[in-house]
N, C-alpha and C. Protein backbone atom coordinates (compact mmCIF):
# COMPACT_ATOMS: atom_id res chain seq x y z
N MET A 1 -0.18 -1.85 8.28
CA MET A 1 -0.43 -2.49 7.20
C MET A 1 -2.08 -2.39 6.98
N LEU A 2 -2.78 -2.77 8.07
CA LEU A 2 -4.27 -2.60 8.00
C LEU A 2 -5.09 -1.36 7.79
N LEU A 3 -4.34 -0.39 8.57
CA LEU A 3 -4.79 1.04 8.17
C LEU A 3 -4.65 1.40 6.73
N TRP A 4 -3.38 1.22 6.25
CA TRP A 4 -3.10 1.61 4.72
C TRP A 4 -3.77 0.87 3.94
N GLY A 5 -4.07 -0.40 4.23
CA GLY A 5 -4.72 -1.44 3.34
C GLY A 5 -6.26 -0.89 3.12
N TRP A 6 -6.97 -0.56 4.18
CA TRP A 6 -8.31 -0.29 4.23
C TRP A 6 -8.66 0.89 3.50
N VAL A 7 -7.67 2.02 4.01
CA VAL A 7 -7.98 3.28 3.40
C VAL A 7 -7.66 3.21 1.80
N THR A 8 -6.68 2.47 1.34
CA THR A 8 -6.32 2.34 -0.01
C THR A 8 -7.47 1.84 -0.62
N ILE A 9 -7.84 0.66 -0.16
CA ILE A 9 -9.02 0.10 -0.90
C ILE A 9 -10.22 0.99 -1.14
N THR A 10 -10.57 1.86 0.02
CA THR A 10 -11.76 2.58 0.07
C THR A 10 -11.46 3.73 -1.09
N VAL A 11 -10.20 4.33 -1.01
CA VAL A 11 -10.04 5.50 -2.01
C VAL A 11 -10.07 5.05 -3.38
N SER A 12 -9.35 3.73 -3.51
CA SER A 12 -9.51 3.18 -5.12
C SER A 12 -10.72 3.03 -5.63
N ILE A 13 -11.68 2.35 -4.64
CA ILE A 13 -12.99 2.00 -5.21
C ILE A 13 -13.84 3.40 -5.47
N SER A 14 -13.61 4.30 -4.37
CA SER A 14 -14.26 5.64 -4.43
C SER A 14 -13.75 6.45 -5.73
N HIS A 15 -12.51 6.33 -6.00
CA HIS A 15 -12.06 7.03 -7.29
C HIS A 15 -12.84 6.44 -8.52
N PHE A 16 -12.80 5.15 -8.46
CA PHE A 16 -13.63 4.40 -9.61
C PHE A 16 -15.02 4.69 -9.88
N LEU A 17 -15.57 4.69 -8.59
CA LEU A 17 -17.11 5.02 -8.63
C LEU A 17 -17.33 6.52 -9.03
N LEU A 18 -16.70 7.39 -8.36
CA LEU A 18 -16.82 8.91 -8.84
C LEU A 18 -16.55 9.24 -10.28
N ALA A 19 -15.48 8.28 -10.79
CA ALA A 19 -15.04 8.63 -12.27
C ALA A 19 -16.11 7.85 -13.10
N THR A 20 -16.59 6.71 -12.66
CA THR A 20 -17.65 6.13 -13.51
C THR A 20 -19.00 6.90 -13.67
N PHE A 21 -19.42 7.40 -12.51
CA PHE A 21 -20.70 8.10 -12.45
C PHE A 21 -20.47 9.50 -12.56
N LYS A 22 -19.34 9.93 -12.85
CA LYS A 22 -18.91 11.46 -13.11
C LYS A 22 -19.59 12.38 -12.00
N VAL A 23 -19.41 11.96 -10.78
CA VAL A 23 -20.15 12.71 -9.60
C VAL A 23 -19.39 14.12 -9.55
N ILE A 24 -17.99 14.04 -9.61
CA ILE A 24 -17.21 15.28 -9.65
C ILE A 24 -16.27 15.36 -10.67
N LYS A 25 -15.82 16.66 -10.97
CA LYS A 25 -14.99 16.82 -12.12
C LYS A 25 -13.58 16.19 -11.90
N HIS A 26 -13.12 16.16 -10.84
CA HIS A 26 -11.71 15.67 -10.48
C HIS A 26 -11.84 14.54 -9.38
N PRO A 27 -12.16 13.33 -9.82
CA PRO A 27 -12.57 12.06 -8.80
C PRO A 27 -11.12 11.85 -8.19
N GLU A 28 -10.04 12.07 -8.78
CA GLU A 28 -8.79 11.89 -8.36
C GLU A 28 -8.33 12.60 -6.80
N ILE A 29 -9.29 13.42 -6.58
CA ILE A 29 -9.03 14.35 -5.41
C ILE A 29 -9.19 13.38 -4.05
N VAL A 30 -9.82 12.25 -4.29
CA VAL A 30 -10.08 11.43 -3.00
C VAL A 30 -8.81 10.88 -2.53
N TRP A 31 -7.72 10.96 -3.37
CA TRP A 31 -6.34 10.26 -2.93
C TRP A 31 -5.81 11.27 -2.01
N LEU A 32 -6.44 12.56 -1.69
CA LEU A 32 -5.84 13.21 -0.69
C LEU A 32 -6.07 12.77 0.63
N LEU A 33 -6.95 11.90 0.79
CA LEU A 33 -7.25 11.15 2.08
C LEU A 33 -6.13 10.37 2.51
N MET A 34 -5.18 10.14 1.73
CA MET A 34 -3.79 9.44 2.08
C MET A 34 -3.04 10.29 3.03
N VAL A 35 -3.14 11.67 2.92
CA VAL A 35 -2.42 12.53 3.68
C VAL A 35 -2.63 12.44 5.24
N PRO A 36 -3.93 12.60 5.58
CA PRO A 36 -4.31 12.24 6.80
C PRO A 36 -4.11 10.93 7.34
N THR A 37 -4.18 9.85 6.52
CA THR A 37 -3.79 8.66 6.93
C THR A 37 -2.28 8.54 7.29
N LEU A 38 -1.36 9.21 6.50
CA LEU A 38 0.19 9.35 6.69
C LEU A 38 0.31 10.06 7.96
N ILE A 39 -0.35 11.00 8.22
CA ILE A 39 -0.24 11.69 9.61
C ILE A 39 -0.77 10.75 10.74
N VAL A 40 -1.79 10.11 10.63
CA VAL A 40 -2.14 9.26 11.67
C VAL A 40 -1.04 8.04 11.85
N SER A 41 -0.72 7.52 10.60
CA SER A 41 0.31 6.34 10.78
C SER A 41 1.59 6.82 11.35
N LEU A 42 2.13 7.98 11.09
CA LEU A 42 3.31 8.62 11.65
C LEU A 42 3.17 8.92 13.22
N GLY A 43 2.08 9.32 13.48
CA GLY A 43 1.78 9.55 14.90
C GLY A 43 1.74 8.32 15.70
N VAL A 44 1.07 7.27 15.24
CA VAL A 44 1.09 6.07 15.98
C VAL A 44 2.30 5.47 16.16
N GLY A 45 3.14 5.49 14.96
CA GLY A 45 4.63 4.93 15.01
C GLY A 45 5.37 5.69 15.94
N PHE A 46 5.24 6.99 15.93
CA PHE A 46 6.10 7.74 16.96
C PHE A 46 5.70 7.36 18.47
N THR A 47 4.37 7.35 18.65
CA THR A 47 3.89 6.98 19.94
C THR A 47 4.44 5.62 20.47
N ARG A 48 4.34 4.56 19.55
CA ARG A 48 4.59 3.20 19.86
C ARG A 48 6.16 3.13 20.10
N GLY A 49 6.89 3.86 19.12
CA GLY A 49 8.46 3.95 19.36
C GLY A 49 8.84 4.58 20.71
N ARG A 50 8.02 5.53 21.19
CA ARG A 50 8.55 6.08 22.50
C ARG A 50 8.09 5.16 23.73
N LYS A 51 7.14 4.35 23.48
CA LYS A 51 6.63 3.52 24.58
C LYS A 51 7.43 2.31 24.59
N SER A 52 8.06 1.94 23.49
CA SER A 52 8.85 0.67 23.37
C SER A 52 10.17 0.97 24.20
N SER A 53 10.52 -0.17 24.89
CA SER A 53 11.79 0.05 25.72
C SER A 53 13.16 -0.08 24.79
N ALA A 54 12.94 -0.76 23.71
CA ALA A 54 14.20 -0.84 22.92
C ALA A 54 13.70 -0.85 21.54
N THR A 55 14.42 -0.36 20.63
CA THR A 55 14.31 -0.38 19.18
C THR A 55 15.25 -1.38 18.52
N THR A 56 14.82 -2.44 17.86
CA THR A 56 15.60 -3.45 17.29
C THR A 56 16.42 -2.86 16.00
N HIS A 57 17.26 -3.63 15.63
CA HIS A 57 17.83 -3.41 14.17
C HIS A 57 16.83 -3.69 13.20
N LEU A 58 15.96 -4.66 13.28
CA LEU A 58 14.96 -5.11 12.57
C LEU A 58 13.97 -3.86 12.38
N ASP A 59 13.49 -3.23 13.61
CA ASP A 59 12.62 -2.18 13.66
C ASP A 59 13.14 -0.99 12.47
N ARG A 60 14.37 -0.84 12.77
CA ARG A 60 14.88 0.31 12.01
C ARG A 60 15.00 0.06 10.46
N ILE A 61 15.27 -1.31 10.10
CA ILE A 61 15.28 -1.86 8.80
C ILE A 61 13.90 -1.48 8.12
N PHE A 62 12.80 -1.92 8.85
CA PHE A 62 11.43 -1.79 8.40
C PHE A 62 11.01 -0.49 8.11
N MET A 63 11.50 0.53 9.20
CA MET A 63 11.30 1.93 8.98
C MET A 63 11.76 2.44 7.75
N TRP A 64 13.06 2.05 7.53
CA TRP A 64 13.83 2.68 6.19
C TRP A 64 13.25 2.17 4.92
N ILE A 65 12.96 0.82 4.99
CA ILE A 65 12.25 0.16 3.81
C ILE A 65 10.95 0.90 3.47
N TRP A 66 10.08 1.20 4.43
CA TRP A 66 8.85 1.85 4.20
C TRP A 66 8.84 3.18 3.94
N LEU A 67 9.74 3.90 4.55
CA LEU A 67 10.24 5.25 4.20
C LEU A 67 10.62 5.39 2.82
N ALA A 68 11.58 4.65 2.36
CA ALA A 68 11.96 4.62 0.99
C ALA A 68 10.85 4.34 -0.05
N LEU A 69 9.97 3.48 0.28
CA LEU A 69 8.79 3.14 -0.41
C LEU A 69 8.09 4.54 -0.64
N THR A 70 7.61 5.08 0.42
CA THR A 70 6.87 6.31 0.49
C THR A 70 7.68 7.35 -0.44
N ILE A 71 8.84 7.55 -0.31
CA ILE A 71 9.57 8.51 -1.02
C ILE A 71 9.39 8.17 -2.60
N ASN A 72 9.80 6.81 -2.84
CA ASN A 72 9.81 6.44 -4.22
C ASN A 72 8.49 6.56 -4.97
N MET A 73 7.47 6.09 -4.12
CA MET A 73 6.05 6.25 -4.65
C MET A 73 5.68 7.73 -4.90
N SER A 74 5.93 8.59 -4.04
CA SER A 74 5.73 9.97 -4.23
C SER A 74 6.37 10.63 -5.54
N LEU A 75 7.82 10.34 -5.72
CA LEU A 75 8.53 10.81 -6.84
C LEU A 75 7.91 10.05 -8.09
N MET A 76 7.68 8.88 -8.08
CA MET A 76 7.08 8.14 -9.16
C MET A 76 5.79 8.82 -9.60
N ILE A 77 5.03 9.16 -8.72
CA ILE A 77 3.69 9.58 -9.06
C ILE A 77 3.75 10.95 -9.67
N TYR A 78 4.67 11.74 -9.14
CA TYR A 78 4.90 12.99 -9.55
C TYR A 78 5.51 12.96 -11.20
N TYR A 79 6.44 12.23 -11.34
CA TYR A 79 7.29 11.91 -12.62
C TYR A 79 6.02 11.26 -13.59
N LEU A 80 5.14 10.50 -13.22
CA LEU A 80 4.25 9.93 -14.10
C LEU A 80 2.99 10.76 -14.37
N ASN A 81 3.17 11.80 -13.92
CA ASN A 81 1.92 12.93 -13.96
C ASN A 81 1.39 12.98 -15.57
N GLY A 82 0.20 12.52 -15.67
CA GLY A 82 -0.36 12.57 -16.99
C GLY A 82 -0.50 11.13 -17.52
N LYS A 83 0.39 10.34 -17.14
CA LYS A 83 0.48 8.87 -17.57
C LYS A 83 -0.21 7.82 -16.75
N TRP A 84 -1.46 8.05 -16.49
CA TRP A 84 -2.31 7.42 -15.58
C TRP A 84 -2.54 5.94 -15.93
N ASP A 85 -2.31 5.72 -17.25
CA ASP A 85 -2.47 4.22 -17.77
C ASP A 85 -1.48 3.29 -17.15
N ILE A 86 -0.42 3.68 -16.59
CA ILE A 86 0.43 2.76 -16.00
C ILE A 86 0.90 3.12 -14.45
N ILE A 87 0.16 4.03 -13.98
CA ILE A 87 0.50 4.25 -12.61
C ILE A 87 0.08 3.20 -11.61
N SER A 88 -1.14 2.59 -11.80
CA SER A 88 -1.43 1.53 -10.87
C SER A 88 -0.42 0.36 -10.84
N SER A 89 0.08 0.04 -12.06
CA SER A 89 1.17 -1.10 -12.27
C SER A 89 2.32 -0.57 -11.50
N MET A 90 2.80 0.61 -11.67
CA MET A 90 4.13 0.99 -10.95
C MET A 90 3.84 1.08 -9.64
N VAL A 91 2.75 1.53 -8.88
CA VAL A 91 2.54 1.42 -7.62
C VAL A 91 2.49 0.13 -6.99
N LEU A 92 1.93 -0.92 -7.72
CA LEU A 92 1.80 -2.20 -7.35
C LEU A 92 3.15 -2.89 -7.23
N ILE A 93 3.93 -2.56 -8.16
CA ILE A 93 5.32 -2.98 -8.13
C ILE A 93 6.09 -2.74 -7.07
N MET A 94 6.06 -1.44 -6.77
CA MET A 94 6.74 -0.93 -5.71
C MET A 94 6.20 -1.44 -4.20
N ALA A 95 4.94 -1.63 -4.07
CA ALA A 95 4.46 -2.20 -2.87
C ALA A 95 4.71 -3.60 -2.75
N GLY A 96 4.74 -4.29 -3.97
CA GLY A 96 5.26 -5.76 -3.96
C GLY A 96 6.55 -5.84 -3.56
N TYR A 97 7.51 -4.79 -3.84
CA TYR A 97 9.02 -4.93 -3.33
C TYR A 97 9.05 -4.78 -1.98
N ALA A 98 8.45 -3.75 -1.30
CA ALA A 98 8.44 -3.64 0.21
C ALA A 98 7.71 -4.82 0.89
N THR A 99 6.70 -5.18 0.41
CA THR A 99 5.91 -6.25 1.31
C THR A 99 6.70 -7.45 1.08
N PHE A 100 7.25 -7.83 -0.12
CA PHE A 100 7.98 -9.10 -0.18
C PHE A 100 9.47 -9.06 0.72
N LEU A 101 10.01 -7.96 0.62
CA LEU A 101 11.25 -7.80 1.42
C LEU A 101 11.11 -8.00 2.99
N SER A 102 9.81 -7.27 3.41
CA SER A 102 9.50 -7.24 4.90
C SER A 102 9.02 -8.67 5.20
N GLY A 103 8.35 -9.47 4.34
CA GLY A 103 7.93 -10.84 4.64
C GLY A 103 9.23 -11.60 4.76
N LYS A 104 10.29 -11.55 3.81
CA LYS A 104 11.45 -12.16 3.90
C LYS A 104 12.27 -11.97 5.08
N LEU A 105 12.25 -10.71 5.56
CA LEU A 105 13.00 -10.24 6.83
C LEU A 105 12.28 -11.11 8.08
N ILE A 106 11.22 -11.07 8.20
CA ILE A 106 10.57 -11.70 9.40
C ILE A 106 10.07 -13.17 9.11
N LYS A 107 10.55 -13.79 7.90
CA LYS A 107 10.18 -15.01 7.73
C LYS A 107 8.74 -15.41 7.71
N PHE A 108 7.79 -14.51 7.28
CA PHE A 108 6.43 -14.66 7.32
C PHE A 108 5.94 -14.90 5.86
N LYS A 109 5.58 -16.04 5.53
CA LYS A 109 5.14 -16.41 4.25
C LYS A 109 4.04 -15.81 3.68
N PRO A 110 3.01 -15.34 4.53
CA PRO A 110 1.79 -14.65 3.98
C PRO A 110 2.33 -13.28 3.33
N MET A 111 3.17 -12.57 4.03
CA MET A 111 3.78 -11.40 3.44
C MET A 111 4.65 -11.63 2.08
N ILE A 112 5.30 -12.58 2.21
CA ILE A 112 6.14 -13.04 0.98
C ILE A 112 5.14 -13.22 -0.16
N TYR A 113 4.17 -14.06 0.13
CA TYR A 113 3.06 -14.31 -1.11
C TYR A 113 2.44 -13.02 -1.36
N GLY A 114 2.17 -12.30 -0.31
CA GLY A 114 1.51 -10.82 -0.63
C GLY A 114 2.19 -10.03 -1.50
N GLY A 115 3.60 -9.86 -1.33
CA GLY A 115 4.45 -9.38 -2.17
C GLY A 115 4.50 -9.77 -3.73
N ILE A 116 4.41 -11.22 -3.82
CA ILE A 116 4.36 -11.92 -5.13
C ILE A 116 3.05 -11.48 -5.67
N ALA A 117 1.99 -11.57 -5.05
CA ALA A 117 0.56 -11.11 -5.50
C ALA A 117 0.55 -9.83 -5.97
N PHE A 118 1.21 -8.89 -5.28
CA PHE A 118 1.39 -7.49 -5.79
C PHE A 118 2.02 -7.39 -7.27
N TRP A 119 3.03 -8.19 -7.52
CA TRP A 119 3.62 -8.22 -8.71
C TRP A 119 2.74 -8.81 -9.84
N VAL A 120 1.88 -9.87 -9.52
CA VAL A 120 1.02 -10.49 -10.42
C VAL A 120 -0.08 -9.38 -10.72
N TRP A 121 -0.64 -8.78 -9.80
CA TRP A 121 -1.65 -7.81 -9.87
C TRP A 121 -1.17 -6.69 -10.78
N SER A 122 0.10 -6.33 -10.77
CA SER A 122 0.78 -5.12 -11.58
C SER A 122 0.56 -5.41 -13.05
N LEU A 123 0.86 -6.73 -13.32
CA LEU A 123 0.84 -7.19 -14.75
C LEU A 123 -0.77 -7.14 -15.19
N VAL A 124 -1.66 -7.47 -14.26
CA VAL A 124 -3.03 -7.50 -14.63
C VAL A 124 -3.35 -5.96 -14.80
N ALA A 125 -2.93 -5.13 -14.01
CA ALA A 125 -3.32 -3.64 -14.12
C ALA A 125 -2.77 -3.16 -15.31
N TYR A 126 -1.56 -3.62 -15.68
CA TYR A 126 -0.82 -2.98 -16.84
C TYR A 126 -1.80 -3.20 -18.14
N PHE A 127 -2.11 -4.36 -18.23
CA PHE A 127 -2.97 -4.74 -19.35
C PHE A 127 -4.27 -4.42 -19.40
N ALA A 128 -4.93 -4.04 -18.13
CA ALA A 128 -6.35 -3.79 -17.94
C ALA A 128 -6.48 -2.23 -18.19
N GLY A 129 -5.33 -1.46 -18.21
CA GLY A 129 -5.43 -0.04 -18.22
C GLY A 129 -5.92 0.81 -17.03
N SER A 130 -5.88 2.10 -17.20
CA SER A 130 -6.07 3.07 -15.98
C SER A 130 -7.36 2.93 -15.41
N TYR A 131 -8.26 2.61 -16.18
CA TYR A 131 -9.73 2.87 -15.61
C TYR A 131 -9.99 1.74 -14.59
N TYR A 132 -9.62 0.44 -15.16
CA TYR A 132 -9.96 -0.85 -14.14
C TYR A 132 -8.70 -0.96 -13.23
N GLY A 133 -7.67 -0.23 -13.62
CA GLY A 133 -6.54 -0.25 -12.56
C GLY A 133 -6.90 0.09 -11.24
N LEU A 134 -7.86 0.86 -11.07
CA LEU A 134 -8.24 1.29 -9.73
C LEU A 134 -8.99 0.09 -8.98
N LEU A 135 -9.75 -0.64 -9.69
CA LEU A 135 -10.33 -1.81 -9.04
C LEU A 135 -9.38 -2.81 -8.76
N ILE A 136 -8.45 -3.16 -9.83
CA ILE A 136 -7.40 -4.09 -9.66
C ILE A 136 -6.40 -3.64 -8.43
N THR A 137 -6.11 -2.33 -8.14
CA THR A 137 -5.41 -1.93 -6.93
C THR A 137 -6.20 -2.31 -5.84
N ALA A 138 -7.43 -2.09 -5.61
CA ALA A 138 -8.08 -2.45 -4.61
C ALA A 138 -8.01 -4.13 -4.24
N ALA A 139 -8.25 -4.88 -5.20
CA ALA A 139 -8.08 -6.36 -5.13
C ALA A 139 -6.50 -6.63 -4.68
N ALA A 140 -5.70 -5.94 -5.25
CA ALA A 140 -4.16 -6.14 -4.93
C ALA A 140 -3.85 -5.79 -3.56
N ILE A 141 -4.47 -4.65 -2.99
CA ILE A 141 -4.12 -4.20 -1.69
C ILE A 141 -4.69 -5.26 -0.69
N PHE A 142 -5.95 -5.61 -1.06
CA PHE A 142 -6.69 -6.76 -0.12
C PHE A 142 -5.83 -8.15 -0.13
N THR A 143 -5.24 -8.43 -1.10
CA THR A 143 -4.61 -9.67 -1.09
C THR A 143 -3.18 -9.50 -0.70
N GLY A 144 -2.70 -8.37 -1.02
CA GLY A 144 -1.17 -8.06 -0.60
C GLY A 144 -0.69 -7.57 0.76
N TYR A 145 -1.92 -6.80 1.25
CA TYR A 145 -1.62 -6.10 2.54
C TYR A 145 -2.86 -6.63 3.66
N VAL A 146 -3.98 -6.50 3.28
CA VAL A 146 -5.07 -6.77 4.25
C VAL A 146 -4.95 -8.26 4.69
N VAL A 147 -4.88 -9.15 3.76
CA VAL A 147 -4.87 -10.53 4.20
C VAL A 147 -3.76 -10.96 5.17
N PRO A 148 -2.35 -10.57 4.45
CA PRO A 148 -1.22 -10.71 5.49
C PRO A 148 -1.22 -10.02 6.73
N GLY A 149 -1.84 -8.70 6.64
CA GLY A 149 -1.89 -7.86 7.92
C GLY A 149 -2.73 -8.57 8.86
N LEU A 150 -3.82 -9.31 8.61
CA LEU A 150 -4.70 -10.02 9.55
C LEU A 150 -4.11 -11.05 10.05
N MET A 151 -3.26 -11.90 9.27
CA MET A 151 -2.55 -13.02 9.61
C MET A 151 -1.55 -12.79 10.55
N LEU A 152 -0.82 -11.54 10.20
CA LEU A 152 0.23 -11.15 11.17
C LEU A 152 -0.29 -10.79 12.52
N ARG A 153 -1.40 -9.99 12.43
CA ARG A 153 -2.02 -9.72 13.85
C ARG A 153 -2.45 -10.87 14.65
N LYS A 154 -3.13 -11.83 13.93
CA LYS A 154 -3.44 -13.25 14.46
C LYS A 154 -2.14 -13.72 15.19
N ARG A 155 -1.17 -13.83 14.53
CA ARG A 155 0.21 -14.58 14.88
C ARG A 155 0.71 -13.74 16.18
N LYS A 156 0.62 -12.39 16.07
CA LYS A 156 1.21 -11.59 17.21
C LYS A 156 0.17 -11.98 18.34
N ASN A 157 -0.98 -12.11 18.37
CA ASN A 157 -2.02 -12.22 19.43
C ASN A 157 -1.84 -13.69 19.93
N GLU A 158 -1.37 -14.54 19.22
CA GLU A 158 -1.06 -15.89 19.62
C GLU A 158 0.26 -16.10 20.40
N LEU A 159 1.18 -15.24 20.11
CA LEU A 159 2.49 -15.01 20.94
C LEU A 159 2.34 -14.49 22.22
């Protein structure tokens, strides 16, 4: 959660700044940084999976929820090609769904609230438009992923 959160925040703000100051012709290129993030995330996940003595049913459910989210977002972004005015809203709705479900499964209120925050931010992004949607995405990721992720990490450390 934290890796994806911080990378997404960084890329969203970078895209906004590159577009605002017209630094490069295609500022959306910064989103390609998500590819190495995916590779690192998968590598860490597989390594942890191998080191773990047992995989629980809950582990498998989480894997399928987040894999489905990744596939859905990829298809949605492809289908919305050229309709950038609503892409932030759609991505935030999807993130809200997976975060909310994950929070409900582990009965962790900060994640449940994080999912709800994503849905609220998706409305804000929808009415703000694509240009400010990048900044709204960064704020949404912070409240929906990073804050709950830090709280979850703290909870695990206390156990």
